[in-house]
Amino acid sequence: LPRSFMLADQREIGATWISAIRAALNQLVQVIVDTHFLPVATGNIVRELKVVIDRIGRDLVSGACGMAEATDALRTSVGHMISERIALPAPIIMKAAAERLRDGDRIVTIGYSTVVYGAIKHAVQNLGRDLSVVILDARPHCRGRQLAEALPKVGVRDVTVLPVTGLQVAMRGATKVLIGAAALFANGSLLGQTGTALLAAAAAIDSVPVIALCESFKFSQRSHADSLAYTVVVESDADRLIATPSSHAMVGAVDAEGKSICADSATGPAPPVQRGPNLSVVCPRFDLTPARFVTAVVSEIGTIPPSAVPVVMRERLRDEMA
């Protein structure tokens, strides 16, 4: 944004600079909203960036800096956010989570999470852990098969893929549950891909620890008691759900020997569902996991309980206002 943005009149300063930069930023955000939806993490970064814009604008108004200095300061701040807040946390989280895994652990996860994959990879390749992984997968995206294809290549000896309906089977012998997160709210509830709450609840019943891997820029000051308060429904998801034959849902999933796994193959292909005036197809992208089902949250600031999110947010707000 700072590299491409140029004021129409270089004599415009202060409040005009702030409003112009904010307007350009809002246009970019609107493009995201119009084409997809605005993730919690993106909203957090945008709000932090607006605080920086306001602070630099005040310096511009007071004469503490000129136009060139303001633009350079904004560019530097954006670069710092990208490197320190977005890029840096993931490797730290992967390493910290990997150190919590032990030889013989049977890990259960759901879908695909970059940090979950990275943690398992680090544990196997760098720490020499002998792990087995069970992956729950669900339509319409079936992203779990991406993880299933990747894990045998990094040395995981045993990979099993099951539809989310096979949760009871997946939990047999499980020692840990690893989950990614799209957001972590102030009341400790976790926003994850649909099916995460079901997995965490089953783990709690079996007294299996649930470890969430989440960067701190995904922490939110908002509180939600149920997933209906934050429901993201993408129309293309519904289209894909009714258009994809169920027997194709697990195509591409493989076991440790590289053999294809298709949990629904015995049923045979199912014809696509035809839309009609009395048929509504809703495919929520996320669900909400209560804090009581999450044992610990691994972030770049350390391993914390879900209840510590408000403390982290309060300290961060204090640093931003300083």
Protein backbone atom coordinates (compact mmCIF):
# COMPACT_ATOMS: atom_id res chain seq x y z
CA LEU A 1 0.00 0.00 0.00
CA PRO A 2 2.60 2.68 0.90
CA ARG A 3 4.68 1.82 -2.18
CA SER A 4 1.77 2.28 -4.57
CA PHE A 5 -0.05 5.14 -2.85
CA MET A 6 0.53 8.69 -4.05
CA LEU A 7 -1.42 11.77 -2.94
CA ALA A 8 -2.97 13.77 -5.76
CA ASP A 9 -1.65 16.96 -4.25
CA GLN A 10 1.58 16.73 -2.25
CA ARG A 11 0.57 19.87 -0.34
CA GLU A 12 -2.24 18.01 1.36
CA ILE A 13 -1.08 16.97 4.82
CA GLY A 14 -2.30 15.85 8.21
CA ALA A 15 -5.98 14.94 8.36
CA THR A 16 -6.19 14.68 4.57
CA TRP A 17 -3.26 12.25 4.54
CA ILE A 18 -4.95 10.12 7.20
CA SER A 19 -8.31 10.05 5.44
CA ALA A 20 -6.72 9.31 2.05
CA ILE A 21 -4.63 6.40 3.36
CA ARG A 22 -7.60 5.06 5.32
CA ALA A 23 -9.82 5.27 2.24
CA ALA A 24 -7.29 3.31 0.18
CA LEU A 25 -7.03 0.71 2.94
CA ASN A 26 -10.81 0.41 3.21
CA GLN A 27 -11.04 -0.18 -0.52
CA LEU A 28 -8.64 -3.10 -0.25
CA VAL A 29 -10.60 -4.54 2.68
CA GLN A 30 -13.86 -4.19 0.75
CA VAL A 31 -12.37 -6.21 -2.12
CA ILE A 32 -11.66 -9.02 0.35
CA VAL A 33 -15.16 -8.82 1.81
CA ASP A 34 -16.82 -8.78 -1.61
CA THR A 35 -14.88 -11.76 -2.96
CA HIS A 36 -14.66 -13.90 0.18
CA PHE A 37 -15.14 -12.81 3.80
CA LEU A 38 -13.04 -10.85 6.30
CA PRO A 39 -11.17 -13.22 8.64
CA VAL A 40 -10.74 -12.19 12.26
CA ALA A 41 -6.96 -12.10 11.84
CA THR A 42 -7.17 -9.77 8.85
CA GLY A 43 -9.52 -7.48 10.76
CA ASN A 44 -7.04 -7.35 13.64
CA ILE A 45 -4.15 -6.41 11.36
CA VAL A 46 -6.23 -3.73 9.64
CA ARG A 47 -7.18 -2.19 12.99
CA GLU A 48 -3.55 -2.17 14.12
CA LEU A 49 -2.53 -0.58 10.84
CA LYS A 50 -5.16 2.16 11.28
CA VAL A 51 -3.71 2.96 14.73
CA VAL A 52 -0.29 3.36 13.10
CA ILE A 53 -1.75 5.56 10.35
CA ASP A 54 -3.41 7.83 12.92
CA ARG A 55 -0.19 8.13 14.94
CA ILE A 56 1.91 9.02 11.89
CA GLY A 57 -0.80 11.45 10.76
CA ARG A 58 -0.65 13.27 14.08
CA ASP A 59 3.10 13.66 13.67
CA LEU A 60 2.47 15.04 10.19
CA VAL A 61 -0.04 17.57 11.52
CA SER A 62 2.29 18.71 14.30
CA GLY A 63 5.16 19.14 11.86
CA ALA A 64 7.26 16.46 13.52
CA CYS A 65 7.73 14.82 10.12
CA GLY A 66 7.23 15.62 6.46
CA MET A 67 5.36 13.79 3.72
CA ALA A 68 8.34 11.66 2.71
CA GLU A 69 9.11 10.74 6.32
CA ALA A 70 5.47 9.82 6.95
CA THR A 71 5.36 7.54 3.90
CA ASP A 72 8.65 5.89 4.90
CA ALA A 73 7.39 5.40 8.47
CA LEU A 74 4.20 3.77 7.19
CA ARG A 75 6.17 1.49 4.87
CA THR A 76 8.45 0.50 7.74
CA SER A 77 5.49 -0.21 10.03
CA VAL A 78 3.81 -2.41 7.42
CA GLY A 79 7.05 -4.33 6.90
CA HIS A 80 7.40 -4.81 10.66
CA MET A 81 3.84 -6.15 10.90
CA ILE A 82 4.47 -8.63 8.11
CA SER A 83 7.76 -9.90 9.52
CA GLU A 84 7.13 -9.73 13.27
CA ARG A 85 3.39 -10.27 13.61
CA ILE A 86 2.57 -12.57 10.68
CA ALA A 87 5.67 -14.42 9.43
CA LEU A 88 7.66 -14.90 12.64
CA PRO A 89 5.09 -16.60 14.94
CA ALA A 90 4.48 -19.76 12.88
CA PRO A 91 8.02 -21.28 13.17
CA ILE A 92 8.06 -20.53 16.90
CA ILE A 93 4.70 -22.22 17.41
CA MET A 94 5.68 -25.25 15.33
CA LYS A 95 8.84 -25.80 17.39
CA ALA A 96 7.08 -25.29 20.74
CA ALA A 97 4.24 -27.67 19.83
CA ALA A 98 6.66 -30.30 18.49
CA GLU A 99 8.47 -30.36 21.83
CA ARG A 100 5.21 -31.40 23.52
CA LEU A 101 4.96 -34.54 21.38
CA ARG A 102 6.46 -37.82 22.58
CA ASP A 103 7.49 -41.11 20.96
CA GLY A 104 4.49 -43.30 20.30
CA ASP A 105 1.96 -40.48 20.42
CA ARG A 106 -1.18 -41.01 18.39
CA ILE A 107 -2.19 -37.58 17.18
CA VAL A 108 -5.70 -36.73 16.03
CA THR A 109 -6.32 -33.59 13.99
CA ILE A 110 -8.92 -32.29 11.57
CA GLY A 111 -8.57 -30.85 8.09
CA TYR A 112 -5.36 -29.03 7.27
CA SER A 113 -3.49 -26.47 9.33
CA THR A 114 -0.07 -25.16 8.32
CA VAL A 115 1.14 -24.91 11.92
CA VAL A 116 -0.14 -28.40 12.80
CA TYR A 117 1.65 -29.84 9.78
CA GLY A 118 4.80 -27.90 10.66
CA ALA A 119 4.73 -29.10 14.28
CA ILE A 120 4.40 -32.75 13.29
CA LYS A 121 7.10 -32.37 10.64
CA HIS A 122 9.50 -30.75 13.14
CA ALA A 123 8.81 -33.44 15.73
CA VAL A 124 9.57 -36.24 13.26
CA GLN A 125 12.49 -34.79 11.31
CA ASN A 126 14.25 -32.66 13.93
CA LEU A 127 13.38 -34.38 17.20
CA GLY A 128 13.18 -37.95 15.92
CA ARG A 129 9.69 -38.60 17.29
CA ASP A 130 7.87 -41.76 16.20
CA LEU A 131 4.28 -40.64 15.65
CA SER A 132 1.05 -41.89 14.15
CA VAL A 133 -1.55 -39.41 12.91
CA VAL A 134 -5.29 -39.72 12.40
CA ILE A 135 -6.86 -37.04 10.21
CA LEU A 136 -10.56 -36.28 10.23
CA ASP A 137 -11.81 -34.88 6.96
CA ALA A 138 -15.07 -33.43 5.75
CA ARG A 139 -16.69 -32.14 2.62
CA PRO A 140 -16.84 -29.92 0.71
CA HIS A 141 -13.15 -28.96 0.79
CA CYS A 142 -11.65 -32.22 2.09
CA ARG A 143 -8.45 -30.40 3.03
CA GLY A 144 -7.43 -33.26 5.28
CA ARG A 145 -6.26 -35.20 2.24
CA GLN A 146 -3.65 -32.48 1.65
CA LEU A 147 -2.22 -33.25 5.08
CA ALA A 148 -2.52 -36.99 4.47
CA GLU A 149 -0.48 -36.71 1.30
CA ALA A 150 2.19 -34.55 2.95
CA LEU A 151 2.85 -36.41 6.21
CA PRO A 152 4.22 -39.71 4.81
CA LYS A 153 6.71 -37.66 2.77
CA VAL A 154 8.22 -36.18 5.94
CA GLY A 155 8.58 -39.52 7.72
CA VAL A 156 5.33 -40.10 9.63
CA ARG A 157 5.06 -43.90 9.84
CA ASP A 158 1.30 -44.25 10.10
CA VAL A 159 -1.32 -41.90 8.63
CA THR A 160 -5.02 -42.65 8.69
CA VAL A 161 -7.80 -40.58 7.16
CA LEU A 162 -11.41 -40.83 8.31
CA PRO A 163 -14.55 -38.85 7.58
CA VAL A 164 -15.64 -36.73 10.52
CA THR A 165 -18.43 -39.23 11.11
CA GLY A 166 -15.71 -41.72 12.09
CA LEU A 167 -14.78 -39.63 15.14
CA GLN A 168 -15.37 -42.46 17.62
CA VAL A 169 -12.96 -44.69 15.73
CA ALA A 170 -10.42 -41.89 15.39
CA MET A 171 -10.27 -41.35 19.15
CA ARG A 172 -9.36 -44.97 19.94
CA GLY A 173 -5.87 -44.91 21.41
CA ALA A 174 -5.46 -41.18 20.88
CA THR A 175 -2.94 -39.46 23.15
CA LYS A 176 -3.17 -35.87 21.92
CA VAL A 177 -5.38 -33.72 19.73
CA LEU A 178 -3.75 -30.93 17.71
CA ILE A 179 -5.96 -28.28 16.15
CA GLY A 180 -5.39 -25.05 14.28
CA ALA A 181 -7.46 -21.94 14.85
CA ALA A 182 -8.93 -19.17 12.73
CA ALA A 183 -9.42 -17.03 15.85
CA LEU A 184 -9.34 -17.15 19.63
CA PHE A 185 -11.90 -14.96 21.39
CA ALA A 186 -11.71 -13.10 24.70
CA ASN A 187 -13.82 -15.70 26.51
CA GLY A 188 -11.39 -18.42 25.42
CA SER A 189 -13.63 -19.92 22.75
CA LEU A 190 -11.85 -21.06 19.60
CA LEU A 191 -13.00 -20.51 16.04
CA GLY A 192 -11.94 -23.45 13.90
CA GLN A 193 -12.98 -25.26 10.77
CA THR A 194 -16.32 -27.03 11.04
CA GLY A 195 -15.91 -30.23 13.03
CA THR A 196 -13.27 -28.88 15.42
CA ALA A 197 -15.76 -28.42 18.27
CA LEU A 198 -16.99 -31.99 17.84
CA LEU A 199 -13.43 -33.32 17.97
CA ALA A 200 -12.53 -31.26 21.04
CA ALA A 201 -15.67 -32.38 22.88
CA ALA A 202 -14.92 -36.04 22.14
CA ALA A 203 -11.35 -35.56 23.38
CA ALA A 204 -12.60 -34.00 26.61
CA ILE A 205 -14.87 -37.01 27.22
CA ASP A 206 -11.88 -39.33 26.75
CA SER A 207 -9.56 -37.07 28.81
CA VAL A 208 -7.28 -36.53 25.83
CA PRO A 209 -5.48 -33.16 25.91
CA VAL A 210 -6.48 -30.72 23.18
CA ILE A 211 -3.64 -28.43 22.11
CA ALA A 212 -4.56 -25.45 19.94
CA LEU A 213 -1.91 -23.82 17.78
CA CYS A 214 -2.73 -20.15 17.21
CA GLU A 215 -0.75 -17.00 16.38
CA SER A 216 -1.46 -14.08 18.68
CA PHE A 217 -2.61 -11.85 15.82
CA LYS A 218 -5.65 -14.13 15.66
CA PHE A 219 -6.63 -13.24 19.24
CA SER A 220 -9.78 -11.14 19.38
CA GLN A 221 -11.29 -8.84 21.99
CA ARG A 222 -14.75 -10.05 21.04
CA SER A 223 -16.55 -12.83 22.91
CA HIS A 224 -18.85 -15.42 21.37
CA ALA A 225 -20.83 -18.05 23.23
CA ASP A 226 -21.87 -20.11 20.21
CA SER A 227 -21.04 -20.46 16.53
CA LEU A 228 -24.31 -18.83 15.48
CA ALA A 229 -22.87 -15.51 16.65
CA TYR A 230 -20.07 -15.81 14.10
CA THR A 231 -21.30 -17.79 11.14
CA VAL A 232 -19.40 -17.60 7.87
CA VAL A 233 -21.30 -19.14 4.98
CA VAL A 234 -19.66 -19.00 1.55
CA GLU A 235 -22.05 -19.70 -1.31
CA SER A 236 -19.43 -21.58 -3.32
CA ASP A 237 -19.05 -24.02 -0.40
CA ALA A 238 -22.72 -24.92 -0.63
CA ASP A 239 -22.47 -25.33 -4.39
CA ARG A 240 -19.50 -27.64 -4.00
CA LEU A 241 -21.22 -29.61 -1.26
CA ILE A 242 -24.25 -30.56 -3.34
CA ALA A 243 -22.31 -30.97 -6.60
CA THR A 244 -19.63 -33.38 -5.34
CA PRO A 245 -20.52 -37.09 -5.25
CA SER A 246 -19.91 -38.42 -1.75
CA SER A 247 -17.69 -41.25 -3.00
CA HIS A 248 -15.24 -38.65 -4.32
CA ALA A 249 -14.91 -36.88 -0.98
CA MET A 250 -11.80 -38.70 0.12
CA VAL A 251 -10.10 -39.14 -3.24
CA GLY A 252 -6.42 -38.28 -2.92
CA ALA A 253 -6.11 -39.38 0.71
CA VAL A 254 -3.34 -41.90 1.26
CA ASP A 255 -2.04 -44.07 4.05
CA ALA A 256 1.58 -44.48 5.19
CA GLU A 257 2.30 -46.81 2.26
CA GLY A 258 0.93 -44.35 -0.27
CA LYS A 259 -2.22 -46.36 -0.97
CA SER A 260 -5.37 -44.45 -1.75
CA ILE A 261 -7.96 -44.20 0.99
CA CYS A 262 -11.61 -43.64 0.13
CA ALA A 263 -13.82 -44.08 3.17
CA ASP A 264 -17.04 -43.81 1.17
CA SER A 265 -16.09 -46.02 -1.78
CA ALA A 266 -18.33 -48.89 -0.66
CA THR A 267 -21.47 -46.83 -1.15
CA GLY A 268 -20.83 -46.03 -4.80
CA PRO A 269 -21.23 -42.66 -6.48
CA ALA A 270 -24.13 -40.52 -5.35
CA PRO A 271 -25.81 -38.25 -7.88
CA PRO A 272 -25.45 -34.48 -7.35
CA VAL A 273 -28.27 -32.82 -5.40
CA GLN A 274 -30.45 -30.61 -7.56
CA ARG A 275 -31.36 -27.19 -6.17
CA GLY A 276 -35.04 -26.37 -5.92
CA PRO A 277 -37.33 -23.67 -4.52
CA ASN A 278 -37.80 -25.65 -1.28
CA LEU A 279 -34.14 -26.59 -0.80
CA SER A 280 -31.71 -24.42 1.15
CA VAL A 281 -28.08 -25.52 1.34
CA VAL A 282 -26.02 -24.06 4.18
CA CYS A 283 -22.39 -25.01 4.67
CA PRO A 284 -20.81 -23.11 7.61
CA ARG A 285 -17.08 -22.58 7.22
CA PHE A 286 -16.33 -22.53 10.98
CA ASP A 287 -17.61 -23.69 14.34
CA LEU A 288 -16.90 -22.50 17.89
CA THR A 289 -15.13 -24.64 20.48
CA PRO A 290 -15.79 -23.68 24.14
CA ALA A 291 -12.73 -22.85 26.23
CA ARG A 292 -13.40 -25.76 28.59
CA PHE A 293 -12.55 -28.21 25.80
CA VAL A 294 -9.14 -26.66 25.06
CA THR A 295 -6.30 -27.77 27.32
CA ALA A 296 -3.66 -25.28 26.16
CA VAL A 297 -2.95 -22.74 23.46
CA VAL A 298 0.52 -22.67 21.92
CA SER A 299 1.38 -19.24 20.53
CA GLU A 300 4.59 -17.31 19.88
CA ILE A 301 4.30 -15.70 23.32
CA GLY A 302 4.28 -19.11 25.03
CA THR A 303 1.87 -21.83 26.06
CA ILE A 304 -1.14 -20.32 27.78
CA PRO A 305 -4.65 -21.37 28.86
CA PRO A 306 -7.51 -20.02 26.72
CA SER A 307 -8.58 -17.83 29.64
CA ALA A 308 -5.35 -15.80 29.29
CA VAL A 309 -6.42 -14.24 25.97
CA PRO A 310 -7.85 -11.06 27.60
CA VAL A 311 -4.57 -10.53 29.45
CA VAL A 312 -2.59 -10.78 26.21
CA MET A 313 -4.99 -8.41 24.45
CA ARG A 314 -4.82 -5.90 27.30
CA GLU A 315 -1.01 -5.86 27.25
CA ARG A 316 -0.97 -5.48 23.48
CA LEU A 317 -3.43 -2.58 23.61
CA ARG A 318 -1.25 -0.91 26.23
CA ASP A 319 1.80 -1.26 23.97
CA GLU A 320 -0.10 0.17 20.99
CA MET A 321 -1.26 3.19 22.97
CA ALA A 322 2.22 3.85 24.38
